[in-house]
Amino acid sequence: CDLWDAIYYAASEINPCFDIYQVATTCPLLWDVLGFPGSFDYLPAGASVYFNRSDVQKAINAPPTNWMECTNVNVFVNGTDNSPPSGLSVLPGVIEKTNKTIIAHGMLDYVLIMNGTLLMIQNMTWNGAQGFQSAPSDPFFVPYHSELSDSTLAGAGVFGTTHTERGLTFVTVNLSGHMVPQYAPAAAYRQLEFLLGRIDSLTLMSDFTTQTGDFGN
């Protein structure tokens, strides 16, 4: 898309570390043990990609290989993905068979745009009707909690917007990029509690089911 590319190149001029997976990222470049933290690969001097280490591959019984998070080998026949859009093929069946499907969207993601996700939902038919019958507007609440370690700090409070209809839940995460569990782990954990049936709604203002106390929820 020419417009997408123009925005990317303009943003990268003023911020060479612009990250399409989390648009609020600035320099210096972040290091990730998987070797793929942002818009391009980055391996600092002396570092190695975790799953490329021979001791790791041996420990997980993987054959010696040049592992990369996103392959440079084309995985589609003739380089073209001819599969139908998931919203018009497999996804409606998944929703109807589970009646507990979550589509979570990080609002700082530039790879997937939130309005595009909503447009797909509005053109999808599941459980007897097309699209949502009302716009998402309910607050997505992430519980206040005890921070057990500075290495696992995670936010709390109203984190976005959520909506549930006919077995499908759509939820936005305001401070998250593409990978919600990485950028907003507490929000991802709350979604998991909902998916497992431990809570009835993502709007519920209560403690995590695995950590209770006087946290102000």
N, C-alpha and C. Protein backbone atom coordinates (compact mmCIF):
# COMPACT_ATOMS: atom_id res chain seq x y z
N CYS A 1 0.84 -1.18 0.00
CA CYS A 1 0.00 0.00 0.00
C CYS A 1 0.89 1.25 0.00
N ASP A 2 0.71 2.11 -0.99
CA ASP A 2 1.56 3.30 -1.12
C ASP A 2 1.42 4.23 0.07
N LEU A 3 0.19 4.42 0.58
CA LEU A 3 -0.02 5.31 1.72
C LEU A 3 0.67 4.77 2.97
N TRP A 4 0.54 3.45 3.21
CA TRP A 4 1.20 2.81 4.36
C TRP A 4 2.70 3.01 4.27
N ASP A 5 3.27 2.78 3.07
CA ASP A 5 4.71 2.93 2.88
C ASP A 5 5.15 4.37 3.10
N ALA A 6 4.36 5.33 2.60
CA ALA A 6 4.73 6.74 2.73
C ALA A 6 4.79 7.14 4.20
N ILE A 7 3.82 6.67 4.98
CA ILE A 7 3.81 6.97 6.42
C ILE A 7 5.01 6.33 7.10
N TYR A 8 5.30 5.08 6.75
CA TYR A 8 6.44 4.38 7.36
C TYR A 8 7.75 5.11 7.09
N TYR A 9 7.99 5.49 5.84
CA TYR A 9 9.26 6.15 5.50
C TYR A 9 9.36 7.53 6.14
N ALA A 10 8.24 8.25 6.22
CA ALA A 10 8.25 9.57 6.86
C ALA A 10 8.52 9.44 8.35
N ALA A 11 7.89 8.46 9.00
CA ALA A 11 8.11 8.25 10.44
C ALA A 11 9.54 7.82 10.70
N SER A 12 10.10 7.02 9.81
CA SER A 12 11.47 6.53 10.01
C SER A 12 12.52 7.61 9.81
N GLU A 13 12.18 8.66 9.07
CA GLU A 13 13.12 9.78 8.90
C GLU A 13 13.37 10.47 10.23
N ILE A 14 12.30 10.73 10.97
CA ILE A 14 12.44 11.44 12.24
C ILE A 14 12.76 10.50 13.39
N ASN A 15 12.41 9.22 13.22
CA ASN A 15 12.68 8.21 14.25
C ASN A 15 13.22 6.95 13.56
N PRO A 16 14.53 6.83 13.39
CA PRO A 16 15.11 5.68 12.68
C PRO A 16 14.77 4.35 13.34
N CYS A 17 14.35 4.37 14.61
CA CYS A 17 14.00 3.15 15.32
C CYS A 17 12.49 2.89 15.30
N PHE A 18 11.76 3.58 14.43
CA PHE A 18 10.31 3.41 14.33
C PHE A 18 9.96 1.94 14.18
N ASP A 19 9.07 1.48 15.01
CA ASP A 19 8.71 0.06 15.08
C ASP A 19 7.28 -0.12 14.59
N ILE A 20 7.12 -0.82 13.48
CA ILE A 20 5.78 -1.04 12.94
C ILE A 20 4.91 -1.88 13.86
N TYR A 21 5.55 -2.59 14.80
CA TYR A 21 4.78 -3.42 15.73
C TYR A 21 4.40 -2.66 17.00
N GLN A 22 5.05 -1.51 17.25
CA GLN A 22 4.72 -0.69 18.42
C GLN A 22 5.20 0.73 18.11
N VAL A 23 4.27 1.58 17.68
CA VAL A 23 4.64 2.85 17.06
C VAL A 23 5.22 3.85 18.06
N ALA A 24 5.11 3.59 19.37
CA ALA A 24 5.65 4.51 20.37
C ALA A 24 7.11 4.25 20.68
N THR A 25 7.70 3.23 20.06
CA THR A 25 9.10 2.89 20.31
C THR A 25 10.03 3.94 19.70
N THR A 26 11.05 4.34 20.47
CA THR A 26 12.05 5.28 19.97
C THR A 26 13.44 4.70 20.18
N CYS A 27 14.45 5.39 19.67
CA CYS A 27 15.84 4.95 19.83
C CYS A 27 16.26 5.03 21.29
N PRO A 28 17.21 4.22 21.74
CA PRO A 28 18.00 3.27 20.95
C PRO A 28 17.22 2.00 20.61
N LEU A 29 17.75 1.23 19.65
CA LEU A 29 17.11 -0.02 19.25
C LEU A 29 17.02 -0.99 20.42
N LEU A 30 15.88 -1.63 20.56
CA LEU A 30 15.71 -2.61 21.60
C LEU A 30 16.24 -3.97 21.15
N TRP A 31 16.76 -4.73 22.08
CA TRP A 31 17.29 -6.07 21.78
C TRP A 31 16.30 -7.11 22.24
N ASP A 32 16.08 -8.10 21.42
CA ASP A 32 15.16 -9.20 21.71
C ASP A 32 15.90 -10.50 21.47
N VAL A 33 15.76 -11.48 22.39
CA VAL A 33 16.49 -12.73 22.25
C VAL A 33 16.05 -13.53 21.02
N LEU A 34 14.89 -13.17 20.45
CA LEU A 34 14.45 -13.83 19.23
C LEU A 34 15.01 -13.15 17.98
N GLY A 35 15.69 -12.01 18.19
CA GLY A 35 16.38 -11.36 17.08
C GLY A 35 15.51 -10.54 16.18
N PHE A 36 14.25 -10.35 16.56
CA PHE A 36 13.32 -9.64 15.67
C PHE A 36 12.43 -8.73 16.51
N PRO A 37 13.01 -7.64 17.02
CA PRO A 37 12.26 -6.80 17.95
C PRO A 37 11.42 -5.72 17.30
N GLY A 38 11.61 -5.44 16.02
CA GLY A 38 10.91 -4.30 15.46
C GLY A 38 10.77 -4.34 13.96
N SER A 39 10.97 -3.20 13.32
CA SER A 39 10.77 -3.10 11.88
C SER A 39 11.80 -3.88 11.08
N PHE A 40 12.94 -4.18 11.69
CA PHE A 40 13.98 -4.93 11.00
C PHE A 40 14.78 -5.75 12.01
N ASP A 41 15.50 -6.74 11.52
CA ASP A 41 16.31 -7.60 12.39
C ASP A 41 17.42 -6.78 13.04
N TYR A 42 17.75 -7.14 14.28
CA TYR A 42 18.84 -6.46 14.98
C TYR A 42 19.50 -7.43 15.94
N LEU A 43 20.79 -7.62 15.75
CA LEU A 43 21.58 -8.51 16.61
C LEU A 43 22.80 -7.75 17.10
N PRO A 44 22.81 -7.30 18.35
CA PRO A 44 23.97 -6.54 18.85
C PRO A 44 25.22 -7.41 18.93
N ALA A 45 26.37 -6.78 18.92
CA ALA A 45 27.64 -7.50 18.99
C ALA A 45 27.70 -8.38 20.22
N GLY A 46 28.10 -9.64 20.02
CA GLY A 46 28.24 -10.58 21.13
C GLY A 46 26.98 -11.32 21.49
N ALA A 47 25.85 -10.95 20.90
CA ALA A 47 24.58 -11.60 21.21
C ALA A 47 24.30 -12.72 20.19
N SER A 48 23.35 -13.58 20.54
CA SER A 48 22.94 -14.64 19.64
C SER A 48 21.43 -14.83 19.74
N VAL A 49 20.83 -15.29 18.67
CA VAL A 49 19.40 -15.59 18.68
C VAL A 49 19.19 -16.87 19.49
N TYR A 50 18.30 -16.82 20.45
CA TYR A 50 18.15 -17.90 21.43
C TYR A 50 17.93 -19.26 20.77
N PHE A 51 16.99 -19.33 19.85
CA PHE A 51 16.66 -20.63 19.25
C PHE A 51 17.66 -21.05 18.18
N ASN A 52 18.67 -20.22 17.94
CA ASN A 52 19.74 -20.59 17.02
C ASN A 52 20.93 -21.18 17.75
N ARG A 53 20.89 -21.16 19.07
CA ARG A 53 21.98 -21.73 19.86
C ARG A 53 21.94 -23.25 19.79
N SER A 54 23.08 -23.87 19.59
CA SER A 54 23.12 -25.33 19.45
C SER A 54 22.68 -26.02 20.73
N ASP A 55 23.01 -25.44 21.90
CA ASP A 55 22.61 -26.07 23.16
C ASP A 55 21.10 -26.02 23.35
N VAL A 56 20.47 -24.95 22.89
CA VAL A 56 19.01 -24.84 23.00
C VAL A 56 18.34 -25.82 22.05
N GLN A 57 18.82 -25.89 20.81
CA GLN A 57 18.25 -26.83 19.85
C GLN A 57 18.39 -28.27 20.33
N LYS A 58 19.52 -28.57 20.94
CA LYS A 58 19.72 -29.92 21.47
C LYS A 58 18.77 -30.19 22.64
N ALA A 59 18.57 -29.19 23.51
CA ALA A 59 17.72 -29.36 24.69
C ALA A 59 16.26 -29.59 24.32
N ILE A 60 15.81 -29.01 23.20
CA ILE A 60 14.40 -29.17 22.80
C ILE A 60 14.26 -30.22 21.69
N ASN A 61 15.34 -30.98 21.45
CA ASN A 61 15.33 -32.06 20.46
C ASN A 61 14.98 -31.57 19.06
N ALA A 62 15.47 -30.39 18.73
CA ALA A 62 15.26 -29.84 17.39
C ALA A 62 16.49 -30.12 16.53
N PRO A 63 16.32 -30.41 15.27
CA PRO A 63 17.48 -30.65 14.40
C PRO A 63 18.28 -29.36 14.23
N PRO A 64 19.58 -29.46 14.03
CA PRO A 64 20.39 -28.25 13.79
C PRO A 64 19.83 -27.46 12.61
N THR A 65 19.55 -26.21 12.84
CA THR A 65 18.93 -25.40 11.80
C THR A 65 19.27 -23.94 12.01
N ASN A 66 19.13 -23.16 10.97
CA ASN A 66 19.28 -21.71 11.06
C ASN A 66 17.90 -21.12 11.35
N TRP A 67 17.57 -21.02 12.63
CA TRP A 67 16.22 -20.59 13.03
C TRP A 67 16.06 -19.08 12.91
N MET A 68 14.90 -18.63 12.46
CA MET A 68 14.56 -17.22 12.47
C MET A 68 13.08 -17.07 12.77
N GLU A 69 12.73 -15.97 13.46
CA GLU A 69 11.34 -15.79 13.88
C GLU A 69 10.41 -15.68 12.69
N CYS A 70 10.81 -14.95 11.66
CA CYS A 70 10.04 -14.86 10.42
C CYS A 70 10.92 -15.38 9.29
N THR A 71 10.51 -16.45 8.68
CA THR A 71 11.33 -17.10 7.66
C THR A 71 11.49 -16.22 6.42
N ASN A 72 12.63 -16.37 5.76
CA ASN A 72 12.83 -15.69 4.48
C ASN A 72 12.52 -16.62 3.31
N VAL A 73 11.97 -17.79 3.63
CA VAL A 73 11.56 -18.74 2.60
C VAL A 73 10.07 -18.57 2.35
N ASN A 74 9.68 -18.46 1.09
CA ASN A 74 8.27 -18.26 0.76
C ASN A 74 7.46 -19.50 1.13
N VAL A 75 6.42 -19.32 1.91
CA VAL A 75 5.64 -20.47 2.38
C VAL A 75 4.40 -20.71 1.53
N PHE A 76 4.13 -19.84 0.54
CA PHE A 76 2.95 -19.99 -0.31
C PHE A 76 3.34 -20.53 -1.69
N VAL A 77 2.45 -21.30 -2.28
CA VAL A 77 2.67 -21.83 -3.63
C VAL A 77 2.76 -20.67 -4.62
N ASN A 78 3.84 -20.64 -5.38
CA ASN A 78 4.08 -19.58 -6.35
C ASN A 78 4.11 -18.19 -5.70
N GLY A 79 4.37 -18.15 -4.40
CA GLY A 79 4.49 -16.88 -3.72
C GLY A 79 3.18 -16.15 -3.49
N THR A 80 2.05 -16.83 -3.65
CA THR A 80 0.75 -16.17 -3.52
C THR A 80 -0.12 -16.91 -2.52
N ASP A 81 -0.70 -16.18 -1.59
CA ASP A 81 -1.64 -16.75 -0.62
C ASP A 81 -3.04 -16.72 -1.24
N ASN A 82 -3.53 -17.88 -1.64
CA ASN A 82 -4.84 -17.97 -2.28
C ASN A 82 -5.95 -18.39 -1.33
N SER A 83 -5.66 -18.49 -0.04
CA SER A 83 -6.68 -18.90 0.91
C SER A 83 -7.68 -17.77 1.11
N PRO A 84 -8.95 -18.10 1.33
CA PRO A 84 -9.96 -17.06 1.54
C PRO A 84 -9.76 -16.36 2.87
N PRO A 85 -10.21 -15.13 3.00
CA PRO A 85 -10.08 -14.42 4.28
C PRO A 85 -10.71 -15.23 5.41
N SER A 86 -10.05 -15.24 6.58
CA SER A 86 -10.53 -16.07 7.69
C SER A 86 -11.94 -15.69 8.12
N GLY A 87 -12.29 -14.39 8.01
CA GLY A 87 -13.62 -13.95 8.40
C GLY A 87 -14.72 -14.47 7.50
N LEU A 88 -14.34 -14.93 6.31
CA LEU A 88 -15.31 -15.47 5.36
C LEU A 88 -15.17 -16.97 5.21
N SER A 89 -14.34 -17.59 6.06
CA SER A 89 -14.12 -19.03 5.93
C SER A 89 -14.14 -19.72 7.29
N VAL A 90 -12.99 -19.82 7.96
CA VAL A 90 -12.90 -20.65 9.16
C VAL A 90 -13.36 -19.98 10.44
N LEU A 91 -13.19 -18.66 10.55
CA LEU A 91 -13.44 -17.99 11.83
C LEU A 91 -14.89 -18.10 12.31
N PRO A 92 -15.89 -17.91 11.44
CA PRO A 92 -17.27 -18.07 11.93
C PRO A 92 -17.53 -19.44 12.56
N GLY A 93 -16.95 -20.49 11.99
CA GLY A 93 -17.13 -21.82 12.55
C GLY A 93 -16.46 -21.98 13.89
N VAL A 94 -15.29 -21.36 14.06
CA VAL A 94 -14.60 -21.40 15.34
C VAL A 94 -15.46 -20.74 16.42
N ILE A 95 -16.02 -19.57 16.10
CA ILE A 95 -16.87 -18.86 17.07
C ILE A 95 -18.09 -19.70 17.43
N GLU A 96 -18.73 -20.27 16.44
CA GLU A 96 -19.97 -21.02 16.68
C GLU A 96 -19.73 -22.31 17.46
N LYS A 97 -18.56 -22.90 17.29
CA LYS A 97 -18.27 -24.16 17.99
C LYS A 97 -17.76 -23.93 19.41
N THR A 98 -17.14 -22.80 19.66
CA THR A 98 -16.60 -22.55 21.00
C THR A 98 -17.47 -21.61 21.81
N ASN A 99 -18.13 -20.65 21.13
CA ASN A 99 -18.90 -19.59 21.80
C ASN A 99 -18.06 -18.84 22.82
N LYS A 100 -16.76 -18.82 22.63
CA LYS A 100 -15.86 -18.05 23.49
C LYS A 100 -14.59 -17.76 22.67
N THR A 101 -14.74 -16.83 21.74
CA THR A 101 -13.62 -16.44 20.88
C THR A 101 -13.27 -14.98 21.14
N ILE A 102 -11.98 -14.68 21.26
CA ILE A 102 -11.53 -13.32 21.53
C ILE A 102 -10.66 -12.83 20.36
N ILE A 103 -10.99 -11.64 19.87
CA ILE A 103 -10.11 -10.92 18.94
C ILE A 103 -9.58 -9.72 19.70
N ALA A 104 -8.29 -9.75 20.01
CA ALA A 104 -7.65 -8.67 20.76
C ALA A 104 -6.80 -7.84 19.83
N HIS A 105 -6.86 -6.52 20.00
CA HIS A 105 -6.13 -5.64 19.08
C HIS A 105 -5.35 -4.59 19.85
N GLY A 106 -4.03 -4.60 19.69
CA GLY A 106 -3.17 -3.57 20.28
C GLY A 106 -3.27 -2.28 19.49
N MET A 107 -3.57 -1.19 20.17
CA MET A 107 -3.85 0.07 19.48
C MET A 107 -2.58 0.78 18.98
N LEU A 108 -1.40 0.32 19.40
CA LEU A 108 -0.16 0.92 18.92
C LEU A 108 0.47 0.10 17.80
N ASP A 109 -0.29 -0.81 17.23
CA ASP A 109 0.16 -1.66 16.14
C ASP A 109 -0.02 -0.93 14.81
N TYR A 110 1.02 -0.96 13.97
CA TYR A 110 0.91 -0.37 12.63
C TYR A 110 0.82 -1.44 11.54
N VAL A 111 1.02 -2.71 11.92
CA VAL A 111 0.91 -3.80 10.95
C VAL A 111 -0.56 -4.12 10.70
N LEU A 112 -1.32 -4.22 11.79
CA LEU A 112 -2.76 -4.44 11.70
C LEU A 112 -3.47 -3.21 12.26
N ILE A 113 -4.41 -2.67 11.50
CA ILE A 113 -5.10 -1.45 11.88
C ILE A 113 -6.47 -1.81 12.46
N MET A 114 -6.80 -1.20 13.61
CA MET A 114 -8.01 -1.57 14.34
C MET A 114 -9.27 -1.44 13.51
N ASN A 115 -9.41 -0.38 12.74
CA ASN A 115 -10.63 -0.21 11.94
C ASN A 115 -10.76 -1.29 10.87
N GLY A 116 -9.63 -1.82 10.40
CA GLY A 116 -9.68 -2.93 9.45
C GLY A 116 -10.22 -4.18 10.10
N THR A 117 -9.83 -4.41 11.35
CA THR A 117 -10.36 -5.57 12.08
C THR A 117 -11.86 -5.44 12.29
N LEU A 118 -12.31 -4.25 12.68
CA LEU A 118 -13.75 -4.04 12.86
C LEU A 118 -14.51 -4.17 11.55
N LEU A 119 -13.91 -3.72 10.45
CA LEU A 119 -14.55 -3.85 9.14
C LEU A 119 -14.74 -5.32 8.79
N MET A 120 -13.74 -6.13 9.10
CA MET A 120 -13.86 -7.57 8.86
C MET A 120 -15.00 -8.16 9.69
N ILE A 121 -15.06 -7.78 10.97
CA ILE A 121 -16.12 -8.30 11.83
C ILE A 121 -17.50 -7.92 11.30
N GLN A 122 -17.64 -6.69 10.81
CA GLN A 122 -18.94 -6.23 10.33
C GLN A 122 -19.35 -6.90 9.03
N ASN A 123 -18.41 -7.52 8.34
CA ASN A 123 -18.72 -8.26 7.11
C ASN A 123 -18.77 -9.76 7.33
N MET A 124 -18.64 -10.18 8.58
CA MET A 124 -18.65 -11.61 8.91
C MET A 124 -20.00 -12.01 9.49
N THR A 125 -20.47 -13.18 9.11
CA THR A 125 -21.74 -13.71 9.62
C THR A 125 -21.45 -14.90 10.52
N TRP A 126 -21.98 -14.86 11.74
CA TRP A 126 -21.83 -15.98 12.68
C TRP A 126 -23.03 -16.02 13.61
N ASN A 127 -23.37 -17.22 14.02
CA ASN A 127 -24.49 -17.45 14.94
C ASN A 127 -25.74 -16.67 14.55
N GLY A 128 -26.05 -16.69 13.24
CA GLY A 128 -27.35 -16.21 12.77
C GLY A 128 -27.46 -14.74 12.44
N ALA A 129 -26.38 -13.99 12.50
CA ALA A 129 -26.46 -12.56 12.17
C ALA A 129 -25.12 -12.07 11.63
N GLN A 130 -25.15 -10.94 10.96
CA GLN A 130 -23.93 -10.37 10.41
C GLN A 130 -23.42 -9.23 11.29
N GLY A 131 -22.17 -9.30 11.66
CA GLY A 131 -21.52 -8.23 12.38
C GLY A 131 -22.05 -7.98 13.78
N PHE A 132 -21.46 -7.01 14.44
CA PHE A 132 -21.96 -6.56 15.74
C PHE A 132 -23.21 -5.71 15.53
N GLN A 133 -24.14 -5.81 16.44
CA GLN A 133 -25.37 -5.03 16.35
C GLN A 133 -25.23 -3.68 17.05
N SER A 134 -24.16 -3.50 17.81
CA SER A 134 -23.86 -2.21 18.42
C SER A 134 -22.35 -2.05 18.49
N ALA A 135 -21.90 -0.81 18.49
CA ALA A 135 -20.45 -0.53 18.46
C ALA A 135 -19.80 -0.86 19.79
N PRO A 136 -18.57 -1.36 19.78
CA PRO A 136 -17.84 -1.61 21.03
C PRO A 136 -17.68 -0.31 21.84
N SER A 137 -18.05 -0.37 23.11
CA SER A 137 -17.97 0.84 23.94
C SER A 137 -17.72 0.56 25.42
N ASP A 138 -17.75 -0.71 25.82
CA ASP A 138 -17.59 -1.04 27.24
C ASP A 138 -16.12 -0.96 27.64
N PRO A 139 -15.83 -0.51 28.86
CA PRO A 139 -14.43 -0.42 29.31
C PRO A 139 -13.83 -1.79 29.60
N PHE A 140 -12.62 -1.99 29.11
CA PHE A 140 -11.86 -3.20 29.42
C PHE A 140 -11.02 -2.92 30.64
N PHE A 141 -11.32 -3.63 31.73
CA PHE A 141 -10.66 -3.36 33.01
C PHE A 141 -9.63 -4.43 33.34
N VAL A 142 -8.42 -3.98 33.66
CA VAL A 142 -7.35 -4.86 34.10
C VAL A 142 -7.13 -4.62 35.59
N PRO A 143 -7.18 -5.65 36.42
CA PRO A 143 -7.12 -5.46 37.87
C PRO A 143 -5.82 -4.85 38.37
N TYR A 144 -5.95 -4.02 39.41
CA TYR A 144 -4.78 -3.60 40.17
C TYR A 144 -4.28 -4.82 40.94
N HIS A 145 -2.99 -4.92 41.13
CA HIS A 145 -2.43 -6.15 41.66
C HIS A 145 -1.11 -5.86 42.37
N SER A 146 -0.60 -6.86 43.04
CA SER A 146 0.70 -6.76 43.70
C SER A 146 1.80 -7.06 42.69
N GLU A 147 2.78 -6.16 42.61
CA GLU A 147 3.92 -6.38 41.72
C GLU A 147 4.95 -7.21 42.46
N LEU A 148 5.17 -8.44 41.99
CA LEU A 148 6.06 -9.36 42.68
C LEU A 148 7.52 -9.10 42.36
N SER A 149 7.78 -8.44 41.23
CA SER A 149 9.17 -8.20 40.83
C SER A 149 9.21 -7.04 39.85
N ASP A 150 10.27 -6.24 39.92
CA ASP A 150 10.44 -5.16 38.95
C ASP A 150 10.60 -5.70 37.53
N SER A 151 10.99 -6.95 37.41
CA SER A 151 11.18 -7.53 36.09
C SER A 151 9.87 -7.92 35.42
N THR A 152 8.76 -7.87 36.17
CA THR A 152 7.46 -8.26 35.61
C THR A 152 6.42 -7.18 35.84
N LEU A 153 6.84 -5.92 35.85
CA LEU A 153 5.88 -4.83 36.04
C LEU A 153 4.85 -4.82 34.92
N ALA A 154 3.58 -4.60 35.27
CA ALA A 154 2.51 -4.57 34.28
C ALA A 154 1.42 -3.62 34.76
N GLY A 155 0.82 -2.89 33.83
CA GLY A 155 -0.16 -1.86 34.16
C GLY A 155 -1.50 -2.42 34.60
N ALA A 156 -2.38 -1.50 35.04
CA ALA A 156 -3.70 -1.87 35.51
C ALA A 156 -4.65 -0.70 35.27
N GLY A 157 -5.96 -0.96 35.41
CA GLY A 157 -6.97 0.06 35.21
C GLY A 157 -7.73 -0.16 33.92
N VAL A 158 -8.39 0.87 33.42
CA VAL A 158 -9.11 0.77 32.16
C VAL A 158 -8.10 0.80 31.02
N PHE A 159 -8.02 -0.31 30.30
CA PHE A 159 -6.96 -0.50 29.31
C PHE A 159 -7.43 -0.37 27.87
N GLY A 160 -8.75 -0.27 27.68
CA GLY A 160 -9.25 -0.21 26.32
C GLY A 160 -10.75 -0.37 26.30
N THR A 161 -11.25 -0.89 25.19
CA THR A 161 -12.69 -1.05 24.97
C THR A 161 -12.97 -2.49 24.60
N THR A 162 -14.12 -3.00 25.05
CA THR A 162 -14.47 -4.38 24.75
C THR A 162 -15.95 -4.49 24.40
N HIS A 163 -16.28 -5.55 23.70
CA HIS A 163 -17.68 -5.79 23.32
C HIS A 163 -17.85 -7.28 23.03
N THR A 164 -18.95 -7.86 23.49
CA THR A 164 -19.22 -9.28 23.27
C THR A 164 -20.61 -9.46 22.69
N GLU A 165 -20.69 -10.22 21.61
CA GLU A 165 -21.98 -10.60 21.02
C GLU A 165 -21.87 -12.00 20.43
N ARG A 166 -22.84 -12.83 20.74
CA ARG A 166 -23.01 -14.14 20.11
C ARG A 166 -21.72 -14.98 20.10
N GLY A 167 -21.00 -14.94 21.23
CA GLY A 167 -19.82 -15.78 21.38
C GLY A 167 -18.53 -15.17 20.91
N LEU A 168 -18.57 -13.94 20.38
CA LEU A 168 -17.34 -13.27 19.93
C LEU A 168 -17.10 -12.03 20.79
N THR A 169 -15.88 -11.92 21.29
CA THR A 169 -15.46 -10.75 22.07
C THR A 169 -14.36 -10.02 21.32
N PHE A 170 -14.58 -8.72 21.13
CA PHE A 170 -13.55 -7.85 20.56
C PHE A 170 -13.04 -6.95 21.67
N VAL A 171 -11.71 -6.82 21.77
CA VAL A 171 -11.14 -6.00 22.84
C VAL A 171 -9.91 -5.27 22.33
N THR A 172 -9.85 -3.96 22.62
CA THR A 172 -8.67 -3.18 22.28
C THR A 172 -7.80 -3.00 23.52
N VAL A 173 -6.50 -2.88 23.30
CA VAL A 173 -5.55 -2.67 24.39
C VAL A 173 -4.76 -1.41 24.04
N ASN A 174 -5.01 -0.34 24.77
CA ASN A 174 -4.52 0.98 24.38
C ASN A 174 -3.00 1.08 24.36
N LEU A 175 -2.32 0.50 25.32
CA LEU A 175 -0.87 0.67 25.43
C LEU A 175 -0.09 -0.52 24.86
N SER A 176 -0.72 -1.25 23.98
CA SER A 176 -0.07 -2.43 23.42
C SER A 176 0.18 -2.28 21.93
N GLY A 177 1.28 -2.89 21.50
CA GLY A 177 1.54 -3.03 20.08
C GLY A 177 1.00 -4.37 19.58
N HIS A 178 1.67 -4.92 18.58
CA HIS A 178 1.21 -6.12 17.87
C HIS A 178 1.07 -7.34 18.78
N MET A 179 2.04 -7.55 19.67
CA MET A 179 2.06 -8.73 20.52
C MET A 179 1.55 -8.35 21.92
N VAL A 180 0.27 -8.54 22.16
CA VAL A 180 -0.34 -8.09 23.42
C VAL A 180 0.34 -8.70 24.65
N PRO A 181 0.61 -10.01 24.70
CA PRO A 181 1.25 -10.55 25.91
C PRO A 181 2.63 -9.94 26.18
N GLN A 182 3.32 -9.49 25.15
CA GLN A 182 4.64 -8.88 25.34
C GLN A 182 4.52 -7.45 25.84
N TYR A 183 3.62 -6.67 25.24
CA TYR A 183 3.54 -5.24 25.56
C TYR A 183 2.60 -4.94 26.72
N ALA A 184 1.61 -5.78 26.96
CA ALA A 184 0.65 -5.54 28.04
C ALA A 184 0.29 -6.87 28.70
N PRO A 185 1.24 -7.46 29.44
CA PRO A 185 1.03 -8.82 29.97
C PRO A 185 -0.16 -8.94 30.92
N ALA A 186 -0.42 -7.92 31.74
CA ALA A 186 -1.57 -8.01 32.65
C ALA A 186 -2.87 -8.02 31.87
N ALA A 187 -2.94 -7.25 30.78
CA ALA A 187 -4.13 -7.23 29.94
C ALA A 187 -4.33 -8.59 29.27
N ALA A 188 -3.24 -9.18 28.78
CA ALA A 188 -3.33 -10.49 28.15
C ALA A 188 -3.77 -11.56 29.15
N TYR A 189 -3.26 -11.45 30.37
CA TYR A 189 -3.62 -12.43 31.40
C TYR A 189 -5.11 -12.33 31.75
N ARG A 190 -5.63 -11.10 31.80
CA ARG A 190 -7.06 -10.93 32.09
C ARG A 190 -7.90 -11.55 30.97
N GLN A 191 -7.46 -11.38 29.74
CA GLN A 191 -8.17 -11.99 28.61
C GLN A 191 -8.15 -13.52 28.71
N LEU A 192 -7.03 -14.06 29.17
CA LEU A 192 -6.94 -15.51 29.35
C LEU A 192 -7.90 -15.98 30.43
N GLU A 193 -8.02 -15.23 31.51
CA GLU A 193 -8.98 -15.59 32.55
C GLU A 193 -10.40 -15.65 31.98
N PHE A 194 -10.72 -14.68 31.14
CA PHE A 194 -12.05 -14.66 30.50
C PHE A 194 -12.22 -15.84 29.54
N LEU A 195 -11.20 -16.11 28.76
CA LEU A 195 -11.26 -17.22 27.81
C LEU A 195 -11.47 -18.55 28.51
N LEU A 196 -10.86 -18.72 29.69
CA LEU A 196 -10.97 -19.97 30.44
C LEU A 196 -12.24 -20.03 31.30
N GLY A 197 -13.04 -18.98 31.27
CA GLY A 197 -14.29 -18.99 32.03
C GLY A 197 -14.14 -18.66 33.49
N ARG A 198 -13.01 -18.10 33.90
CA ARG A 198 -12.81 -17.77 35.31
C ARG A 198 -13.51 -16.47 35.68
N ILE A 199 -13.77 -15.61 34.71
CA ILE A 199 -14.56 -14.40 34.91
C ILE A 199 -15.61 -14.34 33.81
N ASP A 200 -16.70 -13.62 34.06
CA ASP A 200 -17.82 -13.58 33.11
C ASP A 200 -17.70 -12.48 32.07
N SER A 201 -16.88 -11.47 32.35
CA SER A 201 -16.80 -10.32 31.44
C SER A 201 -15.47 -9.61 31.61
N LEU A 202 -14.99 -9.01 30.51
CA LEU A 202 -13.76 -8.23 30.58
C LEU A 202 -13.99 -6.85 31.19
N THR A 203 -15.23 -6.52 31.48
CA THR A 203 -15.54 -5.26 32.15
C THR A 203 -15.53 -5.41 33.67
N LEU A 204 -15.44 -6.64 34.15
CA LEU A 204 -15.54 -6.91 35.59
C LEU A 204 -14.41 -6.23 36.35
N MET A 205 -14.80 -5.47 37.39
CA MET A 205 -13.81 -4.81 38.25
C MET A 205 -13.61 -5.66 39.49
N SER A 206 -12.64 -6.54 39.40
CA SER A 206 -12.35 -7.46 40.50
C SER A 206 -10.88 -7.84 40.44
N ASP A 207 -10.42 -8.55 41.47
CA ASP A 207 -9.04 -9.02 41.49
C ASP A 207 -8.82 -10.08 40.40
N PHE A 208 -7.55 -10.32 40.07
CA PHE A 208 -7.23 -11.52 39.30
C PHE A 208 -7.69 -12.73 40.11
N THR A 209 -8.13 -13.77 39.44
CA THR A 209 -8.59 -14.95 40.16
C THR A 209 -7.46 -15.69 40.83
N THR A 210 -6.22 -15.38 40.45
CA THR A 210 -5.07 -16.05 41.05
C THR A 210 -4.34 -15.18 42.06
N GLN A 211 -4.84 -13.97 42.29
CA GLN A 211 -4.19 -13.08 43.26
C GLN A 211 -5.25 -12.15 43.88
N THR A 212 -5.60 -12.40 45.10
CA THR A 212 -6.60 -11.58 45.75
C THR A 212 -5.97 -10.80 46.91
N GLY A 213 -6.58 -9.66 47.22
CA GLY A 213 -6.05 -8.81 48.28
C GLY A 213 -6.69 -7.44 48.23
N ASP A 214 -6.21 -6.56 49.02
CA ASP A 214 -6.76 -5.20 49.09
C ASP A 214 -6.00 -4.31 48.10
N PHE A 215 -6.34 -4.45 46.81
CA PHE A 215 -5.62 -3.73 45.76
C PHE A 215 -6.42 -2.55 45.21
N GLY A 216 -7.67 -2.37 45.70
CA GLY A 216 -8.48 -1.26 45.25
C GLY A 216 -9.37 -1.57 44.06
N ASN A 217 -9.57 -2.84 43.77
CA ASN A 217 -10.44 -3.21 42.66
C ASN A 217 -11.89 -3.12 43.12
